[in-house]
């Protein structure tokens, strides 16, 4: 069984696994933070429901808009710098969530 797992892991390059782990961590942390952010904003905005939902919904919306241009940007600058920059932006967003 260990050899099958080792064969599966060795099938792909390390860059792929770094991207998979980075995406998984950012997705998991986003899923853990967003419900509490909605509750916190609801409390801070005196019961406003619409504004916290807009704030939390902006993240996927911005992701969709940026992904339309991401292919062209990665063709010009290269995939690796664009992926590193996107992970750094995601990290800054998570720090902003934590500080809010």
C-alpha atoms as a PDB file:
ATOM      1  CA  UNK A   1       0.000   0.000   0.000  1.00  0.00           C
ATOM      2  CA  UNK A   2       2.834   2.378   0.872  1.00  0.00           C
ATOM      3  CA  UNK A   3       4.438   1.699  -2.509  1.00  0.00           C
ATOM      4  CA  UNK A   4       1.202   2.563  -4.324  1.00  0.00           C
ATOM      5  CA  UNK A   5       1.000   5.867  -2.460  1.00  0.00           C
ATOM      6  CA  UNK A   6       4.658   6.563  -3.139  1.00  0.00           C
ATOM      7  CA  UNK A   7       4.105   5.815  -6.829  1.00  0.00           C
ATOM      8  CA  UNK A   8       1.146   8.190  -6.933  1.00  0.00           C
ATOM      9  CA  UNK A   9       3.090  10.974  -5.243  1.00  0.00           C
ATOM     10  CA  UNK A  10       6.116  10.441  -7.472  1.00  0.00           C
ATOM     11  CA  UNK A  11       4.033  10.591 -10.623  1.00  0.00           C
ATOM     12  CA  UNK A  12       3.737  14.377 -10.471  1.00  0.00           C
ATOM     13  CA  UNK A  13       6.423  17.042 -10.099  1.00  0.00           C
ATOM     14  CA  UNK A  14       6.933  18.865  -6.815  1.00  0.00           C
ATOM     15  CA  UNK A  15       5.578  22.118  -8.278  1.00  0.00           C
ATOM     16  CA  UNK A  16       2.205  20.456  -8.799  1.00  0.00           C
ATOM     17  CA  UNK A  17       2.081  19.270  -5.184  1.00  0.00           C
ATOM     18  CA  UNK A  18       3.063  22.721  -3.916  1.00  0.00           C
ATOM     19  CA  UNK A  19       0.174  24.224  -5.877  1.00  0.00           C
ATOM     20  CA  UNK A  20      -2.245  21.547  -4.666  1.00  0.00           C
ATOM     21  CA  UNK A  21      -1.266  22.018  -1.019  1.00  0.00           C
ATOM     22  CA  UNK A  22      -1.324  25.826  -1.321  1.00  0.00           C
ATOM     23  CA  UNK A  23      -4.768  25.795  -2.915  1.00  0.00           C
ATOM     24  CA  UNK A  24      -6.088  23.341  -0.336  1.00  0.00           C
ATOM     25  CA  UNK A  25      -4.804  25.410   2.573  1.00  0.00           C
ATOM     26  CA  UNK A  26      -6.183  28.679   1.234  1.00  0.00           C
ATOM     27  CA  UNK A  27      -9.555  27.080   0.478  1.00  0.00           C
ATOM     28  CA  UNK A  28      -9.806  25.440   3.897  1.00  0.00           C
ATOM     29  CA  UNK A  29      -8.865  28.624   5.744  1.00  0.00           C
ATOM     30  CA  UNK A  30     -11.337  30.631   3.669  1.00  0.00           C
ATOM     31  CA  UNK A  31     -14.097  28.172   4.467  1.00  0.00           C
ATOM     32  CA  UNK A  32     -13.259  28.354   8.167  1.00  0.00           C
ATOM     33  CA  UNK A  33     -13.055  32.152   8.353  1.00  0.00           C
ATOM     34  CA  UNK A  34     -16.017  33.279   6.237  1.00  0.00           C
ATOM     35  CA  UNK A  35     -18.881  32.101   8.495  1.00  0.00           C
ATOM     36  CA  UNK A  36     -17.351  33.847  11.502  1.00  0.00           C
ATOM     37  CA  UNK A  37     -16.675  36.966   9.437  1.00  0.00           C
ATOM     38  CA  UNK A  38     -20.354  37.122   8.460  1.00  0.00           C
ATOM     39  CA  UNK A  39     -21.427  36.802  12.091  1.00  0.00           C
ATOM     40  CA  UNK A  40     -18.892  39.390  13.227  1.00  0.00           C
ATOM     41  CA  UNK A  41     -19.923  41.900  10.561  1.00  0.00           C
ATOM     42  CA  UNK A  42     -23.596  41.270  11.315  1.00  0.00           C
ATOM     43  CA  UNK A  43     -22.942  42.124  14.943  1.00  0.00           C
ATOM     44  CA  UNK A  44     -20.798  45.177  14.168  1.00  0.00           C
ATOM     45  CA  UNK A  45     -23.251  46.613  11.623  1.00  0.00           C
ATOM     46  CA  UNK A  46     -26.231  46.481  14.007  1.00  0.00           C
ATOM     47  CA  UNK A  47     -28.099  43.665  12.325  1.00  0.00           C
ATOM     48  CA  UNK A  48     -27.520  44.539   8.688  1.00  0.00           C
ATOM     49  CA  UNK A  49     -27.725  41.328   6.662  1.00  0.00           C
ATOM     50  CA  UNK A  50     -26.949  42.588   3.166  1.00  0.00           C
ATOM     51  CA  UNK A  51     -23.576  44.247   3.761  1.00  0.00           C
ATOM     52  CA  UNK A  52     -21.842  41.238   5.393  1.00  0.00           C
ATOM     53  CA  UNK A  53     -23.053  39.009   2.565  1.00  0.00           C
ATOM     54  CA  UNK A  54     -21.708  41.466  -0.008  1.00  0.00           C
ATOM     55  CA  UNK A  55     -18.337  41.628   1.746  1.00  0.00           C
ATOM     56  CA  UNK A  56     -18.026  37.843   1.882  1.00  0.00           C
ATOM     57  CA  UNK A  57     -19.340  37.440  -1.684  1.00  0.00           C
ATOM     58  CA  UNK A  58     -16.750  39.822  -3.102  1.00  0.00           C
ATOM     59  CA  UNK A  59     -13.974  37.250  -2.749  1.00  0.00           C
ATOM     60  CA  UNK A  60     -15.404  34.690  -5.217  1.00  0.00           C
ATOM     61  CA  UNK A  61     -16.574  37.481  -7.506  1.00  0.00           C
ATOM     62  CA  UNK A  62     -13.108  39.031  -7.623  1.00  0.00           C
ATOM     63  CA  UNK A  63     -11.647  35.576  -8.209  1.00  0.00           C
ATOM     64  CA  UNK A  64     -13.862  35.105 -11.252  1.00  0.00           C
ATOM     65  CA  UNK A  65     -12.989  38.496 -12.707  1.00  0.00           C
ATOM     66  CA  UNK A  66      -9.248  38.111 -12.098  1.00  0.00           C
ATOM     67  CA  UNK A  67      -9.220  34.590 -13.583  1.00  0.00           C
ATOM     68  CA  UNK A  68     -10.443  35.992 -16.918  1.00  0.00           C
ATOM     69  CA  UNK A  69      -7.250  38.026 -17.155  1.00  0.00           C
ATOM     70  CA  UNK A  70      -4.973  35.549 -15.385  1.00  0.00           C
ATOM     71  CA  UNK A  71      -4.241  33.470 -18.463  1.00  0.00           C
ATOM     72  CA  UNK A  72      -2.975  36.441 -20.441  1.00  0.00           C
ATOM     73  CA  UNK A  73      -0.920  37.686 -17.527  1.00  0.00           C
ATOM     74  CA  UNK A  74       0.663  34.260 -16.994  1.00  0.00           C
ATOM     75  CA  UNK A  75       1.497  34.036 -20.705  1.00  0.00           C
ATOM     76  CA  UNK A  76       3.387  37.321 -20.496  1.00  0.00           C
ATOM     77  CA  UNK A  77       5.032  36.951 -17.079  1.00  0.00           C
ATOM     78  CA  UNK A  78       5.226  33.179 -16.705  1.00  0.00           C
ATOM     79  CA  UNK A  79       3.185  30.806 -14.586  1.00  0.00           C
ATOM     80  CA  UNK A  80       5.447  30.620 -11.566  1.00  0.00           C
ATOM     81  CA  UNK A  81       5.557  34.376 -10.765  1.00  0.00           C
ATOM     82  CA  UNK A  82       1.795  34.665 -11.243  1.00  0.00           C
ATOM     83  CA  UNK A  83       1.108  31.682  -8.978  1.00  0.00           C
ATOM     84  CA  UNK A  84       3.447  33.010  -6.284  1.00  0.00           C
ATOM     85  CA  UNK A  85       1.883  36.467  -6.510  1.00  0.00           C
ATOM     86  CA  UNK A  86      -1.630  35.017  -6.250  1.00  0.00           C
ATOM     87  CA  UNK A  87      -0.705  32.967  -3.180  1.00  0.00           C
ATOM     88  CA  UNK A  88       0.841  36.064  -1.580  1.00  0.00           C
ATOM     89  CA  UNK A  89      -2.349  38.051  -2.242  1.00  0.00           C
ATOM     90  CA  UNK A  90      -4.407  35.218  -0.739  1.00  0.00           C
ATOM     91  CA  UNK A  91      -2.127  35.253   2.304  1.00  0.00           C
ATOM     92  CA  UNK A  92      -2.623  38.999   2.717  1.00  0.00           C
ATOM     93  CA  UNK A  93      -6.389  38.544   2.458  1.00  0.00           C
ATOM     94  CA  UNK A  94      -6.342  35.897   5.186  1.00  0.00           C
ATOM     95  CA  UNK A  95      -4.271  38.208   7.391  1.00  0.00           C
ATOM     96  CA  UNK A  96      -6.850  40.927   6.741  1.00  0.00           C
ATOM     97  CA  UNK A  97      -9.631  38.524   7.732  1.00  0.00           C
ATOM     98  CA  UNK A  98      -7.769  37.681  10.938  1.00  0.00           C
ATOM     99  CA  UNK A  99      -7.178  41.330  11.810  1.00  0.00           C
ATOM    100  CA  UNK A 100     -10.770  42.328  11.137  1.00  0.00           C
END
